Protein backbone atom coordinates (compact mmCIF):
# COMPACT_ATOMS: atom_id res chain seq x y z
CA MET A 1 4.19 126.82 19.89
CA LYS A 2 4.95 128.68 23.13
CA SER A 3 3.19 126.07 25.25
CA GLU A 4 5.19 123.30 23.57
CA LEU A 5 8.44 125.13 24.28
CA ALA A 6 7.39 125.83 27.88
CA GLU A 7 6.47 122.17 28.34
CA GLU A 8 9.80 121.04 26.90
CA ILE A 9 11.71 123.40 29.20
CA PHE A 10 9.67 122.19 32.18
CA GLU A 11 10.48 118.57 31.31
CA LEU A 12 14.20 119.39 31.08
CA ILE A 13 14.16 121.15 34.45
CA GLU A 14 12.23 118.31 36.05
CA ALA A 15 14.58 115.67 34.63
CA ARG A 16 17.60 117.62 35.85
CA SER A 17 16.17 118.04 39.34
CA HIS A 18 15.62 114.27 39.60
CA ALA A 19 19.16 113.56 38.42
CA ARG A 20 20.85 115.10 41.49
CA PRO A 21 20.23 114.08 45.10
CA THR A 22 18.21 116.42 47.28
CA PRO A 23 19.62 118.00 50.44
CA MET A 24 17.60 115.46 52.44
CA GLU A 25 19.28 112.63 50.54
CA PHE A 26 22.70 114.10 51.34
CA GLU A 27 21.73 114.25 55.01
CA MET A 28 20.51 110.64 54.93
CA ALA A 29 23.74 109.57 53.24
CA TYR A 30 25.74 111.31 55.96
CA GLN A 31 23.71 109.59 58.67
CA ALA A 32 24.22 106.24 56.91
CA ARG A 33 28.01 106.81 56.94
CA VAL A 34 27.87 107.55 60.67
CA ALA A 35 25.86 104.36 61.25
CA ILE A 36 28.33 102.36 59.12
CA ASP A 37 31.25 103.60 61.22
CA ARG A 38 29.46 102.80 64.47
CA ILE A 39 28.47 99.31 63.34
CA ARG A 40 32.07 98.59 62.30
CA PHE A 41 33.23 99.79 65.71
CA ALA A 42 30.70 97.54 67.49
CA ILE A 43 31.67 94.50 65.41
CA LYS A 44 35.38 95.08 66.02
CA HIS A 45 34.96 95.46 69.77
CA THR A 46 32.65 92.48 70.18
CA GLU A 47 35.13 90.33 68.27
CA GLN A 48 38.00 91.52 70.47
CA PHE A 49 36.50 91.73 73.94
CA ALA A 50 33.21 89.82 74.21
CA PRO A 51 32.95 86.15 75.15
CA ARG A 52 32.27 83.83 72.23
CA THR A 53 28.68 82.68 72.62
CA GLU A 54 26.06 81.57 70.11
CA GLU A 55 23.89 84.60 71.00
CA LEU A 56 26.78 86.97 70.38
CA ARG A 57 27.55 85.26 67.08
CA GLU A 58 23.93 85.84 66.00
CA ALA A 59 24.18 89.49 67.04
CA GLU A 60 27.37 89.88 64.98
CA LEU A 61 25.64 88.36 61.96
CA GLN A 62 22.78 90.83 62.38
CA LEU A 63 25.26 93.71 62.58
CA LEU A 64 27.07 92.47 59.47
CA ASP A 65 23.76 92.27 57.61
CA ALA A 66 22.88 95.83 58.63
CA LEU A 67 26.36 96.98 57.61
CA GLU A 68 26.09 95.40 54.18
CA ARG A 69 22.67 96.96 53.60
CA LEU A 70 23.88 100.43 54.55
CA GLU A 71 27.00 100.08 52.40
CA ARG A 72 24.85 99.05 49.42
CA VAL A 73 22.62 102.13 49.87
CA ASP A 74 25.74 104.29 50.26
CA ARG A 75 27.22 102.95 47.01
CA ARG A 76 23.97 103.70 45.14
CA PHE A 77 23.95 107.23 46.56
CA GLN A 78 27.57 107.77 45.53
CA GLN A 79 26.85 106.57 42.00
CA ARG A 80 23.79 108.80 41.73
CA SER A 81 25.54 111.86 43.11
CA GLY A 82 28.79 111.31 41.24
CA LEU A 83 30.78 111.00 44.47
CA ARG A 84 33.44 108.41 45.17
CA THR A 85 34.25 106.60 48.38
CA ALA A 86 37.54 108.51 48.62
CA ASP A 87 35.56 111.74 48.97
CA PHE A 88 34.35 110.52 52.38
CA SER A 89 37.85 109.68 53.59
CA ARG A 90 38.73 111.02 57.03
CA THR A 91 42.29 111.84 56.00
CA PRO A 92 42.62 114.86 53.74
CA LYS A 93 44.37 114.40 50.44
CA ARG A 94 47.61 116.34 50.19
CA PRO A 95 48.59 117.19 46.64
CA TYR A 96 51.88 118.54 47.94
CA PRO A 97 54.32 117.59 50.75
CA PRO A 98 53.87 119.30 54.15
CA VAL A 99 55.90 122.42 54.73
CA ASN A 100 58.24 122.94 57.76
CA GLY A 101 57.30 119.71 59.50
CA ALA A 102 53.55 120.45 59.42
CA ASP A 103 52.87 116.72 59.28
CA GLY A 104 53.79 116.37 62.96
CA LYS A 105 57.15 114.62 62.28
CA SER A 106 60.44 116.20 63.21
């Protein structure tokens, strides 16, 4: 009886630990977000400033493929962890208006 209960508790703990991402997964997700931002930056700048050549077009396609793959992994991580894309936003959410011109506007 006790061993059955202990086994059941162990199974519950193990299932729960697999349900949430590990600290290493959070770190990898952060690094993926950094890579996504850098790839977007590179694509934007090559489109704006680089000469239009066939080799550059191929490089852009490779960057777009890498970007799509990282975004897909990021979406899976967010679903698994219960996070949303808005949680990674660079601009903080303000539930209330700024006080005394704290938003930088006069």
